[in-house]
Amino acid sequence: MTESTPALLQIEGLKLWYKVYKNRAKVLDGVDLSVAPGQKVGLVGEAGCGKTTTVKSVLGLLPRGGCEIPAGRILYEGEDILGLTEKELTRIRNSQIAMIHQEPAAALNPVFTVGEQMMDVVRYSAQGRGYGKKERREIVLGAIRDVLIPDPERIFHFYPNQLSGGMKQRICIAMAVMTERRLLIADEPGTALDVTIQSQIHAMLEEMVAQRGMALVMITHSLGVAREMTDVINIMYAGTIVESAVSAEVFAHPLHPYTQGLMEAVPRLRGGGIQAGIYGSLPDYLAPPPGCRFAPRCPRAGDRCRAEKPALADLSGHRVACFHVGTDGSAKCQ
């Protein structure tokens, strides 16, 4: 995104705490994320790092009584989502932002047919208001065809339990993109699928995003998926973005120790034994480290790292939050 291109979605310094018994789980610790119109942005990190929490906060899907946001803003087209009423949020969900959830079986209601659920999506979207039942049905059948499911008229009357995992995921994709949207959030849409179906789902999703001119936030724990499908990659660790750059740049010159550790953990097709991992585990969100949250696992960590949180510094478009990276992107001593 250039300075002249206003952000479609801008998350600034977002902190989010889950309320637990007599305490707070401080999950998000100042998340900064930007998505330009038509841009494909990856959010990458290990399970439990706060990726899904971040995007659910954008859509207001987290229980208002179960969490609190002590700091930060979520700007959609310049408007702070955190200040909107439920009615205003519903308007944005119905007409502007769609989400493909990680588990399709949980996203579909088992007591209604596929057709009934998809018809309701069209009915309540801004684009579908004013359409008659016959017009809504034609939109639904066309969307089922678009995701390459054969015999859409028959599938229309199926219940979710009559579909395979891959077909459920395709239906979820169809529901997300069959009405006009500006931003699509895909939360690991291929995780529960076998490799072949996963590849087909990703290819289909990428083509639909390009055809419709939507922006995409792709949540994944796979560096390979992020490299294939995104323009910009954001590396997330324990509730904060630690590195962000153009996808090719992240792979060519990973700067943060966590990103480098993720790269080293990727299996190599040419062999060479078991790849290195990252020692340790995510911090306890009830009592997170006072400084850099990666410090307990970082081989370079010093006293400053353990006491002070590094800012996400911009190094000519490559942003990194680490005291051990110089202004030219080189490693430095502390």
C-alpha atoms as a PDB file:
ATOM      1  CA  MET A   1       0.000   0.000   0.000  1.00  0.00           C
ATOM      2  CA  THR A   2       1.395   3.400  -0.960  1.00  0.00           C
ATOM      3  CA  GLU A   3       0.915   6.606   1.014  1.00  0.00           C
ATOM      4  CA  SER A   4      -1.535   7.846  -1.632  1.00  0.00           C
ATOM      5  CA  THR A   5      -3.736   4.747  -1.287  1.00  0.00           C
ATOM      6  CA  PRO A   6      -5.997   4.950   1.773  1.00  0.00           C
ATOM      7  CA  ALA A   7      -6.312   1.739   3.771  1.00  0.00           C
ATOM      8  CA  LEU A   8      -9.522  -0.230   3.548  1.00  0.00           C
ATOM      9  CA  LEU A   9      -8.803  -1.758   6.960  1.00  0.00           C
ATOM     10  CA  GLN A  10      -6.371  -0.305   9.470  1.00  0.00           C
ATOM     11  CA  ILE A  11      -5.721  -1.871  12.883  1.00  0.00           C
ATOM     12  CA  GLU A  12      -3.683   0.367  15.178  1.00  0.00           C
ATOM     13  CA  GLY A  13      -2.182  -0.681  18.509  1.00  0.00           C
ATOM     14  CA  LEU A  14      -5.000  -3.123  19.273  1.00  0.00           C
ATOM     15  CA  LYS A  15      -4.922  -4.682  22.732  1.00  0.00           C
ATOM     16  CA  LEU A  16      -7.516  -7.249  23.741  1.00  0.00           C
ATOM     17  CA  TRP A  17      -7.925  -9.073  27.009  1.00  0.00           C
ATOM     18  CA  TYR A  18     -10.190 -12.054  27.688  1.00  0.00           C
ATOM     19  CA  LYS A  19     -11.898 -11.993  31.044  1.00  0.00           C
ATOM     20  CA  VAL A  20     -11.175 -15.086  33.099  1.00  0.00           C
ATOM     21  CA  TYR A  21     -11.850 -15.856  36.733  1.00  0.00           C
ATOM     22  CA  LYS A  22     -10.396 -12.974  38.787  1.00  0.00           C
ATOM     23  CA  ASN A  23      -7.895 -12.171  36.031  1.00  0.00           C
ATOM     24  CA  ARG A  24      -7.335 -11.095  32.434  1.00  0.00           C
ATOM     25  CA  ALA A  25      -5.713 -13.117  29.631  1.00  0.00           C
ATOM     26  CA  LYS A  26      -3.804 -10.421  27.729  1.00  0.00           C
ATOM     27  CA  VAL A  27      -3.955 -12.028  24.285  1.00  0.00           C
ATOM     28  CA  LEU A  28      -3.451  -9.129  21.855  1.00  0.00           C
ATOM     29  CA  ASP A  29      -0.612  -6.787  22.731  1.00  0.00           C
ATOM     30  CA  GLY A  30      -0.685  -3.861  20.321  1.00  0.00           C
ATOM     31  CA  VAL A  31      -1.515  -5.363  16.895  1.00  0.00           C
ATOM     32  CA  ASP A  32      -0.797  -3.160  13.848  1.00  0.00           C
ATOM     33  CA  LEU A  33      -2.185  -4.343  10.514  1.00  0.00           C
ATOM     34  CA  SER A  34      -3.092  -2.594   7.258  1.00  0.00           C
ATOM     35  CA  VAL A  35      -5.067  -3.811   4.223  1.00  0.00           C
ATOM     36  CA  ALA A  36      -5.415  -1.738   1.057  1.00  0.00           C
ATOM     37  CA  PRO A  37      -8.319  -2.125  -1.403  1.00  0.00           C
ATOM     38  CA  GLY A  38      -7.760  -5.206  -3.564  1.00  0.00           C
ATOM     39  CA  GLN A  39      -4.687  -6.276  -1.582  1.00  0.00           C
ATOM     40  CA  LYS A  40      -4.034  -9.846  -0.391  1.00  0.00           C
ATOM     41  CA  VAL A  41      -2.586  -9.859   3.114  1.00  0.00           C
ATOM     42  CA  GLY A  42      -1.340 -12.895   5.013  1.00  0.00           C
ATOM     43  CA  LEU A  43      -1.465 -13.285   8.796  1.00  0.00           C
ATOM     44  CA  VAL A  44       0.917 -16.094   9.754  1.00  0.00           C
ATOM     45  CA  GLY A  45       1.800 -17.611  13.103  1.00  0.00           C
ATOM     46  CA  GLU A  46       1.576 -20.743  15.208  1.00  0.00           C
ATOM     47  CA  ALA A  47      -1.682 -21.891  16.794  1.00  0.00           C
ATOM     48  CA  GLY A  48      -2.719 -19.740  19.738  1.00  0.00           C
ATOM     49  CA  CYS A  49      -0.913 -16.561  18.688  1.00  0.00           C
ATOM     50  CA  GLY A  50      -4.090 -14.491  18.296  1.00  0.00           C
ATOM     51  CA  LYS A  51      -4.771 -14.572  14.549  1.00  0.00           C
ATOM     52  CA  THR A  52      -8.447 -15.544  14.790  1.00  0.00           C
ATOM     53  CA  THR A  53      -9.025 -13.235  17.758  1.00  0.00           C
ATOM     54  CA  THR A  54      -7.685 -10.337  15.681  1.00  0.00           C
ATOM     55  CA  VAL A  55     -10.043 -10.850  12.739  1.00  0.00           C
ATOM     56  CA  LYS A  56     -13.052 -11.677  14.916  1.00  0.00           C
ATOM     57  CA  SER A  57     -12.565  -8.351  16.664  1.00  0.00           C
ATOM     58  CA  VAL A  58     -12.848  -6.672  13.247  1.00  0.00           C
ATOM     59  CA  LEU A  59     -16.299  -8.184  12.727  1.00  0.00           C
ATOM     60  CA  GLY A  60     -17.398  -7.752  16.326  1.00  0.00           C
ATOM     61  CA  LEU A  61     -17.805 -11.511  16.743  1.00  0.00           C
ATOM     62  CA  LEU A  62     -16.224 -11.715  20.190  1.00  0.00           C
ATOM     63  CA  PRO A  63     -18.560 -11.669  23.206  1.00  0.00           C
ATOM     64  CA  ARG A  64     -18.736  -8.096  24.440  1.00  0.00           C
ATOM     65  CA  GLY A  65     -19.047  -9.201  28.041  1.00  0.00           C
ATOM     66  CA  GLY A  66     -16.233 -11.727  27.783  1.00  0.00           C
ATOM     67  CA  CYS A  67     -13.433  -9.458  26.640  1.00  0.00           C
ATOM     68  CA  GLU A  68     -12.248  -5.890  26.867  1.00  0.00           C
ATOM     69  CA  ILE A  69     -10.209  -3.670  24.568  1.00  0.00           C
ATOM     70  CA  PRO A  70      -8.115  -1.289  26.704  1.00  0.00           C
ATOM     71  CA  ALA A  71      -6.340   0.333  23.746  1.00  0.00           C
ATOM     72  CA  GLY A  72      -6.266   0.551  19.969  1.00  0.00           C
ATOM     73  CA  ARG A  73      -8.478   1.284  16.989  1.00  0.00           C
ATOM     74  CA  ILE A  74      -9.959  -0.744  14.127  1.00  0.00           C
ATOM     75  CA  LEU A  75     -10.635   1.571  11.203  1.00  0.00           C
ATOM     76  CA  TYR A  76     -12.726   0.383   8.276  1.00  0.00           C
ATOM     77  CA  GLU A  77     -12.813   3.009   5.544  1.00  0.00           C
ATOM     78  CA  GLY A  78     -11.724   5.509   8.197  1.00  0.00           C
ATOM     79  CA  GLU A  79     -14.527   4.649  10.642  1.00  0.00           C
ATOM     80  CA  ASP A  80     -13.659   3.122  14.013  1.00  0.00           C
ATOM     81  CA  ILE A  81     -15.504  -0.196  14.224  1.00  0.00           C
ATOM     82  CA  LEU A  82     -15.054  -0.357  17.983  1.00  0.00           C
ATOM     83  CA  GLY A  83     -17.416   2.593  18.412  1.00  0.00           C
ATOM     84  CA  LEU A  84     -20.246   1.153  16.319  1.00  0.00           C
ATOM     85  CA  THR A  85     -23.520  -0.235  17.620  1.00  0.00           C
ATOM     86  CA  GLU A  86     -24.554  -3.833  16.939  1.00  0.00           C
ATOM     87  CA  LYS A  87     -26.955  -2.586  14.263  1.00  0.00           C
ATOM     88  CA  GLU A  88     -24.168  -0.692  12.503  1.00  0.00           C
ATOM     89  CA  LEU A  89     -21.855  -3.712  12.743  1.00  0.00           C
ATOM     90  CA  THR A  90     -24.546  -5.914  11.233  1.00  0.00           C
ATOM     91  CA  ARG A  91     -24.782  -3.522   8.285  1.00  0.00           C
ATOM     92  CA  ILE A  92     -21.049  -3.907   7.638  1.00  0.00           C
ATOM     93  CA  ARG A  93     -21.228  -7.716   7.946  1.00  0.00           C
ATOM     94  CA  ASN A  94     -24.161  -7.840   5.541  1.00  0.00           C
ATOM     95  CA  SER A  95     -22.679  -5.634   2.841  1.00  0.00           C
ATOM     96  CA  GLN A  96     -18.939  -5.027   3.261  1.00  0.00           C
ATOM     97  CA  ILE A  97     -16.969  -7.801   5.003  1.00  0.00           C
ATOM     98  CA  ALA A  98     -17.367 -11.576   4.776  1.00  0.00           C
ATOM     99  CA  MET A  99     -15.540 -14.322   6.649  1.00  0.00           C
ATOM    100  CA  ILE A 100     -14.817 -17.955   5.863  1.00  0.00           C
ATOM    101  CA  HIS A 101     -14.457 -19.736   9.178  1.00  0.00           C
ATOM    102  CA  GLN A 102     -11.816 -22.330   9.927  1.00  0.00           C
ATOM    103  CA  GLU A 103     -14.220 -25.223  10.533  1.00  0.00           C
ATOM    104  CA  PRO A 104     -16.999 -25.433   7.917  1.00  0.00           C
ATOM    105  CA  ALA A 105     -19.023 -27.960   9.923  1.00  0.00           C
ATOM    106  CA  ALA A 106     -19.337 -25.424  12.741  1.00  0.00           C
ATOM    107  CA  ALA A 107     -20.164 -22.569  10.371  1.00  0.00           C
ATOM    108  CA  LEU A 108     -23.200 -24.305   8.843  1.00  0.00           C
ATOM    109  CA  ASN A 109     -26.419 -24.856  10.792  1.00  0.00           C
ATOM    110  CA  PRO A 110     -27.230 -28.596  10.784  1.00  0.00           C
ATOM    111  CA  VAL A 111     -31.024 -28.147  11.023  1.00  0.00           C
ATOM    112  CA  PHE A 112     -31.423 -26.072   7.833  1.00  0.00           C
ATOM    113  CA  THR A 113     -30.708 -27.093   4.264  1.00  0.00           C
ATOM    114  CA  VAL A 114     -27.829 -25.585   2.309  1.00  0.00           C
ATOM    115  CA  GLY A 115     -30.300 -23.730   0.130  1.00  0.00           C
ATOM    116  CA  GLU A 116     -32.195 -22.203   3.062  1.00  0.00           C
ATOM    117  CA  GLN A 117     -29.000 -20.897   4.652  1.00  0.00           C
ATOM    118  CA  MET A 118     -27.641 -19.464   1.423  1.00  0.00           C
ATOM    119  CA  MET A 119     -30.997 -17.865   0.568  1.00  0.00           C
ATOM    120  CA  ASP A 120     -30.916 -16.077   3.937  1.00  0.00           C
ATOM    121  CA  VAL A 121     -27.438 -14.704   3.193  1.00  0.00           C
ATOM    122  CA  VAL A 122     -28.713 -13.180  -0.047  1.00  0.00           C
ATOM    123  CA  ARG A 123     -31.897 -11.956   1.602  1.00  0.00           C
ATOM    124  CA  TYR A 124     -30.121 -10.030   4.359  1.00  0.00           C
ATOM    125  CA  SER A 125     -27.249  -8.675   2.266  1.00  0.00           C
ATOM    126  CA  ALA A 126     -27.489  -5.154   0.891  1.00  0.00           C
ATOM    127  CA  GLN A 127     -27.261  -6.519  -2.640  1.00  0.00           C
ATOM    128  CA  GLY A 128     -30.102  -8.998  -2.153  1.00  0.00           C
ATOM    129  CA  ARG A 129     -32.713  -6.726  -0.626  1.00  0.00           C
ATOM    130  CA  GLY A 130     -35.671  -6.343  -2.908  1.00  0.00           C
ATOM    131  CA  TYR A 131     -35.061  -9.642  -4.697  1.00  0.00           C
ATOM    132  CA  GLY A 132     -37.904 -12.109  -4.881  1.00  0.00           C
ATOM    133  CA  LYS A 133     -37.576 -15.751  -3.822  1.00  0.00           C
ATOM    134  CA  LYS A 134     -36.996 -16.909  -7.400  1.00  0.00           C
ATOM    135  CA  GLU A 135     -34.195 -14.368  -7.945  1.00  0.00           C
ATOM    136  CA  ARG A 136     -32.517 -15.308  -4.670  1.00  0.00           C
ATOM    137  CA  ARG A 137     -32.678 -18.974  -5.624  1.00  0.00           C
ATOM    138  CA  GLU A 138     -30.984 -18.285  -8.966  1.00  0.00           C
ATOM    139  CA  ILE A 139     -28.186 -16.380  -7.200  1.00  0.00           C
ATOM    140  CA  VAL A 140     -27.669 -19.322  -4.817  1.00  0.00           C
ATOM    141  CA  LEU A 141     -27.608 -21.909  -7.600  1.00  0.00           C
ATOM    142  CA  GLY A 142     -25.139 -19.789  -9.534  1.00  0.00           C
ATOM    143  CA  ALA A 143     -22.893 -19.503  -6.480  1.00  0.00           C
ATOM    144  CA  ILE A 144     -22.920 -23.284  -5.996  1.00  0.00           C
ATOM    145  CA  ARG A 145     -21.936 -23.715  -9.650  1.00  0.00           C
ATOM    146  CA  ASP A 146     -19.133 -21.149  -9.219  1.00  0.00           C
ATOM    147  CA  VAL A 147     -17.457 -23.308  -6.561  1.00  0.00           C
ATOM    148  CA  LEU A 148     -17.542 -26.289  -8.955  1.00  0.00           C
ATOM    149  CA  ILE A 149     -20.078 -28.422  -7.086  1.00  0.00           C
ATOM    150  CA  PRO A 150     -22.011 -30.585  -9.560  1.00  0.00           C
ATOM    151  CA  ASP A 151     -25.806 -30.752  -9.633  1.00  0.00           C
ATOM    152  CA  PRO A 152     -26.512 -27.560  -7.623  1.00  0.00           C
ATOM    153  CA  GLU A 153     -30.281 -28.131  -7.748  1.00  0.00           C
ATOM    154  CA  ARG A 154     -29.824 -31.346  -5.765  1.00  0.00           C
ATOM    155  CA  ILE A 155     -27.250 -29.848  -3.361  1.00  0.00           C
ATOM    156  CA  PHE A 156     -29.673 -26.986  -2.696  1.00  0.00           C
ATOM    157  CA  HIS A 157     -31.908 -29.404  -0.756  1.00  0.00           C
ATOM    158  CA  PHE A 158     -29.091 -31.176   1.120  1.00  0.00           C
ATOM    159  CA  TYR A 159     -28.409 -30.756   4.848  1.00  0.00           C
ATOM    160  CA  PRO A 160     -24.783 -30.033   5.833  1.00  0.00           C
ATOM    161  CA  ASN A 161     -24.281 -33.543   7.241  1.00  0.00           C
ATOM    162  CA  GLN A 162     -24.927 -34.932   3.751  1.00  0.00           C
ATOM    163  CA  LEU A 163     -21.873 -33.124   2.363  1.00  0.00           C
ATOM    164  CA  SER A 164     -18.193 -34.051   2.517  1.00  0.00           C
ATOM    165  CA  GLY A 165     -15.702 -31.745   4.257  1.00  0.00           C
ATOM    166  CA  GLY A 166     -14.521 -30.334   0.948  1.00  0.00           C
ATOM    167  CA  MET A 167     -18.056 -29.631  -0.231  1.00  0.00           C
ATOM    168  CA  LYS A 168     -18.934 -27.924   3.069  1.00  0.00           C
ATOM    169  CA  GLN A 169     -15.925 -25.664   2.668  1.00  0.00           C
ATOM    170  CA  ARG A 170     -16.910 -24.830  -0.906  1.00  0.00           C
ATOM    171  CA  ILE A 171     -20.416 -23.926   0.296  1.00  0.00           C
ATOM    172  CA  CYS A 172     -18.885 -21.632   2.942  1.00  0.00           C
ATOM    173  CA  ILE A 173     -16.786 -19.942   0.252  1.00  0.00           C
ATOM    174  CA  ALA A 174     -19.854 -19.560  -1.965  1.00  0.00           C
ATOM    175  CA  MET A 175     -21.798 -17.976   0.902  1.00  0.00           C
ATOM    176  CA  ALA A 176     -18.975 -15.513   1.529  1.00  0.00           C
ATOM    177  CA  VAL A 177     -18.525 -14.309  -2.050  1.00  0.00           C
ATOM    178  CA  MET A 178     -21.918 -14.682  -3.735  1.00  0.00           C
ATOM    179  CA  THR A 179     -22.935 -11.121  -2.813  1.00  0.00           C
ATOM    180  CA  GLU A 180     -20.792  -8.048  -3.333  1.00  0.00           C
ATOM    181  CA  ARG A 181     -18.107  -7.560  -0.657  1.00  0.00           C
ATOM    182  CA  ARG A 182     -15.036  -5.358  -0.363  1.00  0.00           C
ATOM    183  CA  LEU A 183     -13.082  -7.478   2.132  1.00  0.00           C
ATOM    184  CA  LEU A 184     -12.903 -11.246   2.567  1.00  0.00           C
ATOM    185  CA  ILE A 185     -11.372 -12.828   5.665  1.00  0.00           C
ATOM    186  CA  ALA A 186     -10.353 -16.469   5.213  1.00  0.00           C
ATOM    187  CA  ASP A 187      -9.471 -18.211   8.476  1.00  0.00           C
ATOM    188  CA  GLU A 188      -7.387 -21.240   7.451  1.00  0.00           C
ATOM    189  CA  PRO A 189     -10.049 -22.456   4.976  1.00  0.00           C
ATOM    190  CA  GLY A 190      -8.140 -25.587   3.992  1.00  0.00           C
ATOM    191  CA  THR A 191      -6.837 -26.804   7.345  1.00  0.00           C
ATOM    192  CA  ALA A 192      -9.344 -29.650   7.836  1.00  0.00           C
ATOM    193  CA  LEU A 193      -9.059 -30.891   4.250  1.00  0.00           C
ATOM    194  CA  ASP A 194      -6.721 -33.304   2.499  1.00  0.00           C
ATOM    195  CA  VAL A 195      -3.887 -31.820   0.460  1.00  0.00           C
ATOM    196  CA  THR A 196      -5.536 -32.199  -2.957  1.00  0.00           C
ATOM    197  CA  ILE A 197      -8.830 -30.591  -1.911  1.00  0.00           C
ATOM    198  CA  GLN A 198      -6.947 -27.909   0.017  1.00  0.00           C
ATOM    199  CA  SER A 199      -5.044 -26.932  -3.128  1.00  0.00           C
ATOM    200  CA  GLN A 200      -8.290 -26.731  -5.116  1.00  0.00           C
ATOM    201  CA  ILE A 201      -9.950 -24.591  -2.442  1.00  0.00           C
ATOM    202  CA  HIS A 202      -7.023 -22.171  -2.325  1.00  0.00           C
ATOM    203  CA  ALA A 203      -6.876 -21.866  -6.123  1.00  0.00           C
ATOM    204  CA  MET A 204     -10.623 -21.262  -6.315  1.00  0.00           C
ATOM    205  CA  LEU A 205     -10.506 -18.682  -3.536  1.00  0.00           C
ATOM    206  CA  GLU A 206      -7.623 -16.825  -5.164  1.00  0.00           C
ATOM    207  CA  GLU A 207      -9.424 -16.717  -8.529  1.00  0.00           C
ATOM    208  CA  MET A 208     -12.668 -15.447  -6.997  1.00  0.00           C
ATOM    209  CA  VAL A 209     -10.900 -12.705  -5.057  1.00  0.00           C
ATOM    210  CA  ALA A 210      -9.169 -11.562  -8.252  1.00  0.00           C
ATOM    211  CA  GLN A 211     -12.361 -11.638 -10.327  1.00  0.00           C
ATOM    212  CA  ARG A 212     -14.367  -9.670  -7.788  1.00  0.00           C
ATOM    213  CA  GLY A 213     -11.617  -7.188  -6.897  1.00  0.00           C
ATOM    214  CA  MET A 214     -11.894  -7.925  -3.184  1.00  0.00           C
ATOM    215  CA  ALA A 215      -9.224  -7.429  -0.569  1.00  0.00           C
ATOM    216  CA  LEU A 216      -8.229 -10.634   1.239  1.00  0.00           C
ATOM    217  CA  VAL A 217      -6.914 -11.364   4.718  1.00  0.00           C
ATOM    218  CA  MET A 218      -5.597 -14.929   4.649  1.00  0.00           C
ATOM    219  CA  ILE A 219      -5.018 -16.481   8.072  1.00  0.00           C
ATOM    220  CA  THR A 220      -2.716 -19.476   8.019  1.00  0.00           C
ATOM    221  CA  HIS A 221       0.009 -21.238   9.946  1.00  0.00           C
ATOM    222  CA  SER A 222       1.558 -22.365   6.644  1.00  0.00           C
ATOM    223  CA  LEU A 223       4.319 -20.225   5.179  1.00  0.00           C
ATOM    224  CA  GLY A 224       3.851 -21.996   1.854  1.00  0.00           C
ATOM    225  CA  VAL A 225       0.186 -20.986   1.616  1.00  0.00           C
ATOM    226  CA  ALA A 226       1.027 -17.404   2.548  1.00  0.00           C
ATOM    227  CA  ARG A 227       3.787 -17.224  -0.053  1.00  0.00           C
ATOM    228  CA  GLU A 228       1.486 -18.557  -2.772  1.00  0.00           C
ATOM    229  CA  MET A 229      -1.618 -16.496  -2.041  1.00  0.00           C
ATOM    230  CA  THR A 230      -0.609 -13.124  -0.577  1.00  0.00           C
ATOM    231  CA  ASP A 231       1.060  -9.858  -1.566  1.00  0.00           C
ATOM    232  CA  VAL A 232       2.118  -8.935   1.967  1.00  0.00           C
ATOM    233  CA  ILE A 233       2.895 -11.229   4.912  1.00  0.00           C
ATOM    234  CA  ASN A 234       2.481 -10.293   8.573  1.00  0.00           C
ATOM    235  CA  ILE A 235       4.228 -12.610  11.024  1.00  0.00           C
ATOM    236  CA  MET A 236       2.379 -12.787  14.341  1.00  0.00           C
ATOM    237  CA  TYR A 237       3.723 -14.022  17.643  1.00  0.00           C
ATOM    238  CA  ALA A 238       1.870 -14.083  20.978  1.00  0.00           C
ATOM    239  CA  GLY A 239      -0.565 -11.316  20.127  1.00  0.00           C
ATOM    240  CA  THR A 240       1.678  -8.907  18.255  1.00  0.00           C
ATOM    241  CA  ILE A 241       3.003  -8.431  14.719  1.00  0.00           C
ATOM    242  CA  VAL A 242       6.760  -8.987  14.801  1.00  0.00           C
ATOM    243  CA  GLU A 243       7.506  -8.670  11.065  1.00  0.00           C
ATOM    244  CA  SER A 244       5.674  -7.360   7.999  1.00  0.00           C
ATOM    245  CA  ALA A 245       6.800  -6.966   4.390  1.00  0.00           C
ATOM    246  CA  VAL A 246       6.087  -7.885   0.799  1.00  0.00           C
ATOM    247  CA  SER A 247       5.834 -11.669   0.664  1.00  0.00           C
ATOM    248  CA  ALA A 248       8.902 -12.198  -1.518  1.00  0.00           C
ATOM    249  CA  GLU A 249      10.969  -9.954   0.771  1.00  0.00           C
ATOM    250  CA  VAL A 250      10.004 -11.905   3.898  1.00  0.00           C
ATOM    251  CA  PHE A 251      11.211 -15.143   2.313  1.00  0.00           C
ATOM    252  CA  ALA A 252      14.351 -13.605   0.801  1.00  0.00           C
ATOM    253  CA  HIS A 253      15.391 -11.650   3.911  1.00  0.00           C
ATOM    254  CA  PRO A 254      13.630 -12.747   7.121  1.00  0.00           C
ATOM    255  CA  LEU A 255      14.778 -10.376   9.866  1.00  0.00           C
ATOM    256  CA  HIS A 256      13.031 -11.330  13.089  1.00  0.00           C
ATOM    257  CA  PRO A 257      14.417 -14.352  14.995  1.00  0.00           C
ATOM    258  CA  TYR A 258      10.918 -15.851  15.146  1.00  0.00           C
ATOM    259  CA  THR A 259      10.469 -15.595  11.380  1.00  0.00           C
ATOM    260  CA  GLN A 260      13.895 -17.132  10.868  1.00  0.00           C
ATOM    261  CA  GLY A 261      12.928 -19.961  13.215  1.00  0.00           C
ATOM    262  CA  LEU A 262       9.738 -20.612  11.254  1.00  0.00           C
ATOM    263  CA  MET A 263      11.740 -20.764   8.021  1.00  0.00           C
ATOM    264  CA  GLU A 264      14.207 -23.232   9.521  1.00  0.00           C
ATOM    265  CA  ALA A 265      11.348 -25.462  10.704  1.00  0.00           C
ATOM    266  CA  VAL A 266       9.941 -25.944   7.190  1.00  0.00           C
ATOM    267  CA  PRO A 267      10.722 -29.470   5.881  1.00  0.00           C
ATOM    268  CA  ARG A 268      12.959 -29.576   2.797  1.00  0.00           C
ATOM    269  CA  LEU A 269      11.958 -31.697  -0.185  1.00  0.00           C
ATOM    270  CA  ARG A 270      15.609 -32.518  -0.832  1.00  0.00           C
ATOM    271  CA  GLY A 271      15.895 -34.160   2.591  1.00  0.00           C
ATOM    272  CA  GLY A 272      18.629 -33.461   5.089  1.00  0.00           C
ATOM    273  CA  GLY A 273      17.149 -34.863   8.276  1.00  0.00           C
ATOM    274  CA  ILE A 274      14.673 -33.436  10.765  1.00  0.00           C
ATOM    275  CA  GLN A 275      14.470 -29.672  10.553  1.00  0.00           C
ATOM    276  CA  ALA A 276      15.206 -27.408  13.482  1.00  0.00           C
ATOM    277  CA  GLY A 277      12.318 -26.204  15.607  1.00  0.00           C
ATOM    278  CA  ILE A 278      11.806 -23.273  17.952  1.00  0.00           C
ATOM    279  CA  TYR A 279      12.544 -24.082  21.568  1.00  0.00           C
ATOM    280  CA  GLY A 280       9.789 -23.494  24.114  1.00  0.00           C
ATOM    281  CA  SER A 281       6.149 -22.482  23.715  1.00  0.00           C
ATOM    282  CA  LEU A 282       3.895 -19.440  23.646  1.00  0.00           C
ATOM    283  CA  PRO A 283       3.879 -17.403  26.874  1.00  0.00           C
ATOM    284  CA  ASP A 284       1.157 -17.590  29.496  1.00  0.00           C
ATOM    285  CA  TYR A 285      -1.263 -14.817  28.559  1.00  0.00           C
ATOM    286  CA  LEU A 286      -2.303 -14.468  32.207  1.00  0.00           C
ATOM    287  CA  ALA A 287       1.255 -13.389  33.040  1.00  0.00           C
ATOM    288  CA  PRO A 288       3.046 -12.480  29.783  1.00  0.00           C
ATOM    289  CA  PRO A 289       6.691 -11.322  29.752  1.00  0.00           C
ATOM    290  CA  PRO A 290       7.068  -7.571  30.412  1.00  0.00           C
ATOM    291  CA  GLY A 291       9.315  -6.991  27.399  1.00  0.00           C
ATOM    292  CA  CYS A 292       9.458  -8.773  24.062  1.00  0.00           C
ATOM    293  CA  ARG A 293       7.112 -11.744  24.245  1.00  0.00           C
ATOM    294  CA  PHE A 294       9.498 -13.819  22.158  1.00  0.00           C
ATOM    295  CA  ALA A 295      12.438 -13.179  24.507  1.00  0.00           C
ATOM    296  CA  PRO A 296      12.057 -16.432  26.527  1.00  0.00           C
ATOM    297  CA  ARG A 297      12.520 -18.435  23.285  1.00  0.00           C
ATOM    298  CA  CYS A 298      14.941 -16.151  21.467  1.00  0.00           C
ATOM    299  CA  PRO A 299      18.631 -17.123  21.214  1.00  0.00           C
ATOM    300  CA  ARG A 300      19.618 -13.442  20.882  1.00  0.00           C
ATOM    301  CA  ALA A 301      17.598 -12.065  23.807  1.00  0.00           C
ATOM    302  CA  GLY A 302      19.348  -9.672  26.166  1.00  0.00           C
ATOM    303  CA  ASP A 303      18.391  -7.647  29.228  1.00  0.00           C
ATOM    304  CA  ARG A 304      16.730  -4.923  27.138  1.00  0.00           C
ATOM    305  CA  CYS A 305      14.586  -7.518  25.339  1.00  0.00           C
ATOM    306  CA  ARG A 306      13.323  -8.901  28.631  1.00  0.00           C
ATOM    307  CA  ALA A 307      12.472  -5.470  30.040  1.00  0.00           C
ATOM    308  CA  GLU A 308      11.226  -3.435  27.055  1.00  0.00           C
ATOM    309  CA  LYS A 309       8.884  -4.229  24.175  1.00  0.00           C
ATOM    310  CA  PRO A 310      10.429  -3.356  20.771  1.00  0.00           C
ATOM    311  CA  ALA A 311       8.380  -1.177  18.429  1.00  0.00           C
ATOM    312  CA  LEU A 312       7.508  -2.292  14.899  1.00  0.00           C
ATOM    313  CA  ALA A 313      10.158  -0.215  13.101  1.00  0.00           C
ATOM    314  CA  ASP A 314       9.892   0.552   9.373  1.00  0.00           C
ATOM    315  CA  LEU A 315      13.089  -0.285   7.459  1.00  0.00           C
ATOM    316  CA  SER A 316      12.273   0.976   3.960  1.00  0.00           C
ATOM    317  CA  GLY A 317       8.956  -0.900   3.785  1.00  0.00           C
ATOM    318  CA  HIS A 318      10.160  -3.955   5.717  1.00  0.00           C
ATOM    319  CA  ARG A 319       8.839  -3.618   9.263  1.00  0.00           C
ATOM    320  CA  VAL A 320      10.317  -5.590  12.140  1.00  0.00           C
ATOM    321  CA  ALA A 321      10.016  -5.473  15.945  1.00  0.00           C
ATOM    322  CA  CYS A 322      13.454  -6.461  17.212  1.00  0.00           C
ATOM    323  CA  PHE A 323      16.260  -4.642  19.026  1.00  0.00           C
ATOM    324  CA  HIS A 324      18.826  -6.828  17.247  1.00  0.00           C
ATOM    325  CA  VAL A 325      18.085  -5.575  13.727  1.00  0.00           C
ATOM    326  CA  GLY A 326      19.879  -2.435  12.547  1.00  0.00           C
ATOM    327  CA  THR A 327      18.376   0.318  10.432  1.00  0.00           C
ATOM    328  CA  ASP A 328      19.847  -1.343   7.322  1.00  0.00           C
ATOM    329  CA  GLY A 329      18.255  -4.699   8.164  1.00  0.00           C
ATOM    330  CA  SER A 330      21.518  -6.241   9.414  1.00  0.00           C
ATOM    331  CA  ALA A 331      21.935  -7.996  12.735  1.00  0.00           C
ATOM    332  CA  LYS A 332      23.466  -5.919  15.486  1.00  0.00           C
ATOM    333  CA  CYS A 333      24.711  -6.496  19.022  1.00  0.00           C
ATOM    334  CA  GLN A 334      22.951  -5.093  22.069  1.00  0.00           C
END
